[in-house]
Amino acid sequence: MPKYNKNQTSAALTLRNNLESQLDSYIEDQHCANETATAVISLLVDGQWWVAIKPICEALNVHYKHQAESIKEDVILGQLSRSQGMVAADGRLRNMTCLPEKYIYGWLFSIQSDSTGLIEYKKECYDILYDHFHGGIREKKISEKLDRTAQIEILNKKIEGKLSLDVDYIKVKELEAENIRIGKEIAMLEKEDQSIQLNMFREKYQEN
């Protein structure tokens, strides 16, 4: 299958590569089980990859003519399908019904088949789609929180800049700094006390 355009986003790149991997993996399994299965055929025309429907139908063991008719009747896919001259598996040039590559994965969801392999393929693709969009929502929330944190820091700096001339504010900051310093000193004293007690315990234990 053709690879990503460099202008696509990293999120779209991950989603498409995952879906593409599932399709290629399933078709490869079909090839192992069926020696007459043909490879996926694609053609690059004016920067757009077109993928032939018939080889995929044969690889997935579904009725090609029925799928071709379903595509023509589909409100979206019917407007996108096109006949392209391609070199078939037998080496001869043939006109094949094709779809733009980015619509192939969605088209596969519409195929009704009892094929165990195709059903498993659909399940895995559902998982991939969920992970993609769920991850996107999570990333958006994180991004929004990071933006808010940055805004808060900017506001704090502005406020501190204004308050830095206020005598009472300066005194408050000095007291806060002193309080932090005292807290650190207390922690050090407690640590020293624990060390003394531990040494005393060891000495008493050795005497016994």
C-alpha atoms as a PDB file:
ATOM      1  CA  MET A   1       0.000   0.000   0.000  1.00  0.00           C
ATOM      2  CA  PRO A   2       1.264   3.563  -0.669  1.00  0.00           C
ATOM      3  CA  LYS A   3       2.763   5.501   2.208  1.00  0.00           C
ATOM      4  CA  TYR A   4       1.801   8.817   3.826  1.00  0.00           C
ATOM      5  CA  ASN A   5       2.144  12.217   2.307  1.00  0.00           C
ATOM      6  CA  LYS A   6       4.686  14.227   4.321  1.00  0.00           C
ATOM      7  CA  ASN A   7       2.146  17.024   4.799  1.00  0.00           C
ATOM      8  CA  GLN A   8      -0.201  14.843   6.838  1.00  0.00           C
ATOM      9  CA  THR A   9      -0.313  15.305  10.599  1.00  0.00           C
ATOM     10  CA  SER A  10       1.457  12.848  12.893  1.00  0.00           C
ATOM     11  CA  ALA A  11      -1.881  11.764  14.423  1.00  0.00           C
ATOM     12  CA  ALA A  12      -3.355  11.018  10.992  1.00  0.00           C
ATOM     13  CA  LEU A  13      -0.110   9.285  10.052  1.00  0.00           C
ATOM     14  CA  THR A  14      -0.342   6.946  13.034  1.00  0.00           C
ATOM     15  CA  LEU A  15      -4.011   6.157  12.413  1.00  0.00           C
ATOM     16  CA  ARG A  16      -3.531   5.459   8.724  1.00  0.00           C
ATOM     17  CA  ASN A  17      -0.409   3.358   9.227  1.00  0.00           C
ATOM     18  CA  ASN A  18      -2.222   1.269  11.862  1.00  0.00           C
ATOM     19  CA  LEU A  19      -5.240   0.692   9.616  1.00  0.00           C
ATOM     20  CA  GLU A  20      -2.987  -0.023   6.658  1.00  0.00           C
ATOM     21  CA  SER A  21      -1.001  -2.508   8.724  1.00  0.00           C
ATOM     22  CA  GLN A  22      -4.190  -4.356   9.714  1.00  0.00           C
ATOM     23  CA  LEU A  23      -5.364  -4.549   6.086  1.00  0.00           C
ATOM     24  CA  ASP A  24      -1.993  -5.720   4.789  1.00  0.00           C
ATOM     25  CA  SER A  25      -1.716  -8.271   7.615  1.00  0.00           C
ATOM     26  CA  TYR A  26      -5.153  -9.711   6.929  1.00  0.00           C
ATOM     27  CA  ILE A  27      -4.603  -9.901   3.159  1.00  0.00           C
ATOM     28  CA  GLU A  28      -1.264 -11.602   3.776  1.00  0.00           C
ATOM     29  CA  ASP A  29      -3.077 -14.223   5.881  1.00  0.00           C
ATOM     30  CA  GLN A  30      -5.501 -14.760   3.026  1.00  0.00           C
ATOM     31  CA  HIS A  31      -2.606 -15.227   0.607  1.00  0.00           C
ATOM     32  CA  CYS A  32      -1.216 -17.973   2.830  1.00  0.00           C
ATOM     33  CA  ALA A  33      -4.584 -19.746   2.870  1.00  0.00           C
ATOM     34  CA  ASN A  34      -5.398 -19.155  -0.808  1.00  0.00           C
ATOM     35  CA  GLU A  35      -2.645 -19.443  -3.392  1.00  0.00           C
ATOM     36  CA  THR A  36      -4.832 -17.844  -6.093  1.00  0.00           C
ATOM     37  CA  ALA A  37      -5.309 -14.620  -4.079  1.00  0.00           C
ATOM     38  CA  THR A  38      -3.922 -11.535  -5.806  1.00  0.00           C
ATOM     39  CA  ALA A  39      -1.963  -8.618  -4.398  1.00  0.00           C
ATOM     40  CA  VAL A  40      -3.468  -5.216  -3.680  1.00  0.00           C
ATOM     41  CA  ILE A  41      -3.104  -3.044  -6.782  1.00  0.00           C
ATOM     42  CA  SER A  42      -2.763   0.747  -6.533  1.00  0.00           C
ATOM     43  CA  LEU A  43      -1.976   3.573  -8.923  1.00  0.00           C
ATOM     44  CA  LEU A  44      -0.712   7.110  -8.302  1.00  0.00           C
ATOM     45  CA  VAL A  45      -2.581   9.701 -10.411  1.00  0.00           C
ATOM     46  CA  ASP A  46      -1.994  13.440  -9.909  1.00  0.00           C
ATOM     47  CA  GLY A  47      -0.767  12.904  -6.353  1.00  0.00           C
ATOM     48  CA  GLN A  48      -3.732  10.659  -5.413  1.00  0.00           C
ATOM     49  CA  TRP A  49      -3.373   6.932  -4.779  1.00  0.00           C
ATOM     50  CA  TRP A  50      -6.192   4.858  -6.297  1.00  0.00           C
ATOM     51  CA  VAL A  51      -6.738   1.310  -5.052  1.00  0.00           C
ATOM     52  CA  ALA A  52      -8.436  -1.378  -7.136  1.00  0.00           C
ATOM     53  CA  ILE A  53     -11.473  -2.988  -5.485  1.00  0.00           C
ATOM     54  CA  LYS A  54     -11.462  -6.381  -7.187  1.00  0.00           C
ATOM     55  CA  PRO A  55      -8.105  -7.683  -5.875  1.00  0.00           C
ATOM     56  CA  ILE A  56      -9.129  -6.767  -2.323  1.00  0.00           C
ATOM     57  CA  CYS A  57     -12.472  -8.542  -2.741  1.00  0.00           C
ATOM     58  CA  GLU A  58     -10.664 -11.630  -4.030  1.00  0.00           C
ATOM     59  CA  ALA A  59      -8.158 -11.499  -1.172  1.00  0.00           C
ATOM     60  CA  LEU A  60     -10.969 -11.135   1.375  1.00  0.00           C
ATOM     61  CA  ASN A  61     -13.078 -13.793  -0.390  1.00  0.00           C
ATOM     62  CA  VAL A  62     -16.131 -11.546  -0.894  1.00  0.00           C
ATOM     63  CA  HIS A  63     -18.257 -11.123  -4.036  1.00  0.00           C
ATOM     64  CA  TYR A  64     -16.670  -8.426  -6.210  1.00  0.00           C
ATOM     65  CA  LYS A  65     -19.701  -7.521  -8.379  1.00  0.00           C
ATOM     66  CA  HIS A  66     -21.918  -7.113  -5.324  1.00  0.00           C
ATOM     67  CA  GLN A  67     -19.351  -4.847  -3.668  1.00  0.00           C
ATOM     68  CA  ALA A  68     -18.898  -2.794  -6.851  1.00  0.00           C
ATOM     69  CA  GLU A  69     -22.672  -2.242  -7.025  1.00  0.00           C
ATOM     70  CA  SER A  70     -22.793  -1.321  -3.323  1.00  0.00           C
ATOM     71  CA  ILE A  71     -20.063   1.274  -3.888  1.00  0.00           C
ATOM     72  CA  LYS A  72     -21.960   2.827  -6.817  1.00  0.00           C
ATOM     73  CA  GLU A  73     -25.132   3.052  -4.696  1.00  0.00           C
ATOM     74  CA  ASP A  74     -23.319   4.565  -1.710  1.00  0.00           C
ATOM     75  CA  VAL A  75     -23.988   8.322  -1.317  1.00  0.00           C
ATOM     76  CA  ILE A  76     -20.315   9.113  -0.643  1.00  0.00           C
ATOM     77  CA  LEU A  77     -18.348   6.320  -2.282  1.00  0.00           C
ATOM     78  CA  GLY A  78     -20.491   6.391  -5.414  1.00  0.00           C
ATOM     79  CA  GLN A  79     -19.233   9.906  -6.158  1.00  0.00           C
ATOM     80  CA  LEU A  80     -15.613   8.939  -5.546  1.00  0.00           C
ATOM     81  CA  SER A  81     -15.229   5.637  -7.376  1.00  0.00           C
ATOM     82  CA  ARG A  82     -13.501   5.705 -10.740  1.00  0.00           C
ATOM     83  CA  SER A  83     -12.392   3.276 -13.409  1.00  0.00           C
ATOM     84  CA  GLN A  84      -8.617   3.323 -13.797  1.00  0.00           C
ATOM     85  CA  GLY A  85      -6.395   1.540 -16.255  1.00  0.00           C
ATOM     86  CA  MET A  86      -4.104  -0.706 -14.206  1.00  0.00           C
ATOM     87  CA  VAL A  87      -1.751  -3.587 -14.793  1.00  0.00           C
ATOM     88  CA  ALA A  88      -3.466  -6.620 -13.315  1.00  0.00           C
ATOM     89  CA  ALA A  89      -1.817  -9.618 -11.652  1.00  0.00           C
ATOM     90  CA  ASP A  90      -1.658 -11.372 -15.035  1.00  0.00           C
ATOM     91  CA  GLY A  91       0.419  -8.487 -16.430  1.00  0.00           C
ATOM     92  CA  ARG A  92      -2.364  -7.207 -18.727  1.00  0.00           C
ATOM     93  CA  LEU A  93      -3.755  -3.673 -18.702  1.00  0.00           C
ATOM     94  CA  ARG A  94      -7.330  -3.648 -17.436  1.00  0.00           C
ATOM     95  CA  ASN A  95      -9.886  -1.040 -16.401  1.00  0.00           C
ATOM     96  CA  MET A  96     -10.590  -1.529 -12.698  1.00  0.00           C
ATOM     97  CA  THR A  97     -13.085   0.060 -10.327  1.00  0.00           C
ATOM     98  CA  CYS A  98     -11.049   2.008  -7.780  1.00  0.00           C
ATOM     99  CA  LEU A  99     -11.437   4.190  -4.715  1.00  0.00           C
ATOM    100  CA  PRO A 100      -9.087   6.836  -3.347  1.00  0.00           C
ATOM    101  CA  GLU A 101      -6.878   5.059  -0.836  1.00  0.00           C
ATOM    102  CA  LYS A 102      -8.072   7.023   2.216  1.00  0.00           C
ATOM    103  CA  TYR A 103     -11.621   5.709   1.666  1.00  0.00           C
ATOM    104  CA  ILE A 104     -10.608   2.042   1.405  1.00  0.00           C
ATOM    105  CA  TYR A 105     -10.542   1.487   5.179  1.00  0.00           C
ATOM    106  CA  GLY A 106     -14.016   2.921   5.692  1.00  0.00           C
ATOM    107  CA  TRP A 107     -15.355   0.921   2.736  1.00  0.00           C
ATOM    108  CA  LEU A 108     -14.137  -2.300   4.356  1.00  0.00           C
ATOM    109  CA  PHE A 109     -16.406  -1.605   7.341  1.00  0.00           C
ATOM    110  CA  SER A 110     -19.418  -1.729   5.031  1.00  0.00           C
ATOM    111  CA  ILE A 111     -18.644  -5.235   3.776  1.00  0.00           C
ATOM    112  CA  GLN A 112     -21.048  -7.806   5.176  1.00  0.00           C
ATOM    113  CA  SER A 113     -19.348 -11.178   5.442  1.00  0.00           C
ATOM    114  CA  ASP A 114     -19.205 -14.168   7.784  1.00  0.00           C
ATOM    115  CA  SER A 115     -15.471 -14.406   7.194  1.00  0.00           C
ATOM    116  CA  THR A 116     -13.813 -14.859  10.589  1.00  0.00           C
ATOM    117  CA  GLY A 117     -10.697 -13.067   9.384  1.00  0.00           C
ATOM    118  CA  LEU A 118     -12.653 -10.045   8.145  1.00  0.00           C
ATOM    119  CA  ILE A 119     -14.615  -9.859  11.397  1.00  0.00           C
ATOM    120  CA  GLU A 120     -11.364  -9.905  13.392  1.00  0.00           C
ATOM    121  CA  TYR A 121      -9.960  -7.234  11.080  1.00  0.00           C
ATOM    122  CA  LYS A 122     -12.979  -5.007  11.760  1.00  0.00           C
ATOM    123  CA  LYS A 123     -12.646  -5.520  15.538  1.00  0.00           C
ATOM    124  CA  GLU A 124      -9.002  -4.507  15.472  1.00  0.00           C
ATOM    125  CA  CYS A 125      -9.790  -1.457  13.353  1.00  0.00           C
ATOM    126  CA  TYR A 126     -12.496  -0.416  15.830  1.00  0.00           C
ATOM    127  CA  ASP A 127      -9.861  -0.625  18.570  1.00  0.00           C
ATOM    128  CA  ILE A 128      -7.464   1.477  16.493  1.00  0.00           C
ATOM    129  CA  LEU A 129     -10.124   4.127  15.827  1.00  0.00           C
ATOM    130  CA  TYR A 130     -11.084   4.260  19.510  1.00  0.00           C
ATOM    131  CA  ASP A 131      -7.467   4.615  20.618  1.00  0.00           C
ATOM    132  CA  HIS A 132      -6.916   7.327  18.010  1.00  0.00           C
ATOM    133  CA  PHE A 133      -9.880   9.508  18.924  1.00  0.00           C
ATOM    134  CA  HIS A 134      -9.725   8.796  22.661  1.00  0.00           C
ATOM    135  CA  GLY A 135      -6.052   9.726  22.622  1.00  0.00           C
ATOM    136  CA  GLY A 136      -6.875  12.873  20.660  1.00  0.00           C
ATOM    137  CA  ILE A 137      -9.422  13.981  23.271  1.00  0.00           C
ATOM    138  CA  ARG A 138      -6.939  13.291  26.072  1.00  0.00           C
ATOM    139  CA  GLU A 139      -4.192  15.221  24.288  1.00  0.00           C
ATOM    140  CA  LYS A 140      -6.575  18.136  23.740  1.00  0.00           C
ATOM    141  CA  LYS A 141      -7.436  18.255  27.462  1.00  0.00           C
ATOM    142  CA  ILE A 142      -3.758  18.157  28.405  1.00  0.00           C
ATOM    143  CA  SER A 143      -2.999  20.905  25.886  1.00  0.00           C
ATOM    144  CA  GLU A 144      -5.809  23.086  27.275  1.00  0.00           C
ATOM    145  CA  LYS A 145      -4.510  22.638  30.830  1.00  0.00           C
ATOM    146  CA  LEU A 146      -0.952  23.465  29.769  1.00  0.00           C
ATOM    147  CA  ASP A 147      -2.215  26.604  28.021  1.00  0.00           C
ATOM    148  CA  ARG A 148      -4.086  27.605  31.181  1.00  0.00           C
ATOM    149  CA  THR A 149      -0.957  27.006  33.284  1.00  0.00           C
ATOM    150  CA  ALA A 150       1.039  29.258  30.953  1.00  0.00           C
ATOM    151  CA  GLN A 151      -1.640  31.967  31.226  1.00  0.00           C
ATOM    152  CA  ILE A 152      -1.575  31.734  35.029  1.00  0.00           C
ATOM    153  CA  GLU A 153       2.214  32.118  35.074  1.00  0.00           C
ATOM    154  CA  ILE A 154       1.987  35.221  32.879  1.00  0.00           C
ATOM    155  CA  LEU A 155      -0.696  36.734  35.109  1.00  0.00           C
ATOM    156  CA  ASN A 156       1.321  35.945  38.233  1.00  0.00           C
ATOM    157  CA  LYS A 157       4.363  37.690  36.805  1.00  0.00           C
ATOM    158  CA  LYS A 158       2.310  40.772  35.945  1.00  0.00           C
ATOM    159  CA  ILE A 159       0.743  40.893  39.393  1.00  0.00           C
ATOM    160  CA  GLU A 160       4.077  40.320  41.133  1.00  0.00           C
ATOM    161  CA  GLY A 161       5.599  43.062  39.014  1.00  0.00           C
ATOM    162  CA  LYS A 162       2.988  45.531  40.259  1.00  0.00           C
ATOM    163  CA  LEU A 163       3.167  44.321  43.857  1.00  0.00           C
ATOM    164  CA  SER A 164       6.960  44.352  43.975  1.00  0.00           C
ATOM    165  CA  LEU A 165       6.788  48.080  44.759  1.00  0.00           C
ATOM    166  CA  ASP A 166       4.364  47.521  47.637  1.00  0.00           C
ATOM    167  CA  VAL A 167       6.108  47.514  51.054  1.00  0.00           C
ATOM    168  CA  ASP A 168       3.593  45.142  52.655  1.00  0.00           C
ATOM    169  CA  TYR A 169       3.897  42.682  49.740  1.00  0.00           C
ATOM    170  CA  ILE A 170       7.680  42.723  50.034  1.00  0.00           C
ATOM    171  CA  LYS A 171       7.360  41.973  53.757  1.00  0.00           C
ATOM    172  CA  VAL A 172       4.977  39.060  53.028  1.00  0.00           C
ATOM    173  CA  LYS A 173       7.441  37.535  50.545  1.00  0.00           C
ATOM    174  CA  GLU A 174      10.294  37.906  53.034  1.00  0.00           C
ATOM    175  CA  LEU A 175       8.236  36.142  55.727  1.00  0.00           C
ATOM    176  CA  GLU A 176       7.335  33.348  53.292  1.00  0.00           C
ATOM    177  CA  ALA A 177      11.012  32.883  52.412  1.00  0.00           C
ATOM    178  CA  GLU A 178      11.931  32.822  56.109  1.00  0.00           C
ATOM    179  CA  ASN A 179       9.200  30.286  56.815  1.00  0.00           C
ATOM    180  CA  ILE A 180      10.520  28.011  54.063  1.00  0.00           C
ATOM    181  CA  ARG A 181      14.056  28.327  55.422  1.00  0.00           C
ATOM    182  CA  ILE A 182      12.904  27.460  58.951  1.00  0.00           C
ATOM    183  CA  GLY A 183      11.044  24.422  57.617  1.00  0.00           C
ATOM    184  CA  LYS A 184      14.230  23.174  55.945  1.00  0.00           C
ATOM    185  CA  GLU A 185      16.228  23.738  59.139  1.00  0.00           C
ATOM    186  CA  ILE A 186      13.672  21.788  61.183  1.00  0.00           C
ATOM    187  CA  ALA A 187      13.834  18.918  58.682  1.00  0.00           C
ATOM    188  CA  MET A 188      17.636  18.852  58.964  1.00  0.00           C
ATOM    189  CA  LEU A 189      17.478  18.834  62.772  1.00  0.00           C
ATOM    190  CA  GLU A 190      14.959  15.987  62.756  1.00  0.00           C
ATOM    191  CA  LYS A 191      17.191  14.042  60.395  1.00  0.00           C
ATOM    192  CA  GLU A 192      20.208  14.609  62.659  1.00  0.00           C
ATOM    193  CA  ASP A 193      18.153  13.512  65.689  1.00  0.00           C
ATOM    194  CA  GLN A 194      17.112  10.309  63.899  1.00  0.00           C
ATOM    195  CA  SER A 195      20.746   9.649  63.019  1.00  0.00           C
ATOM    196  CA  ILE A 196      21.820  10.132  66.667  1.00  0.00           C
ATOM    197  CA  GLN A 197      19.114   7.779  67.917  1.00  0.00           C
ATOM    198  CA  LEU A 198      20.076   5.166  65.332  1.00  0.00           C
ATOM    199  CA  ASN A 199      23.736   5.328  66.365  1.00  0.00           C
ATOM    200  CA  MET A 200      22.763   4.996  70.030  1.00  0.00           C
ATOM    201  CA  PHE A 201      20.685   1.931  69.223  1.00  0.00           C
ATOM    202  CA  ARG A 202      23.563   0.346  67.301  1.00  0.00           C
ATOM    203  CA  GLU A 203      26.014   0.996  70.148  1.00  0.00           C
ATOM    204  CA  LYS A 204      23.649  -0.511  72.704  1.00  0.00           C
ATOM    205  CA  TYR A 205      23.052  -3.512  70.459  1.00  0.00           C
ATOM    206  CA  GLN A 206      26.809  -4.081  70.035  1.00  0.00           C
ATOM    207  CA  GLU A 207      27.353  -3.889  73.838  1.00  0.00           C
ATOM    208  CA  ASN A 208      24.760  -6.619  74.316  1.00  0.00           C
END
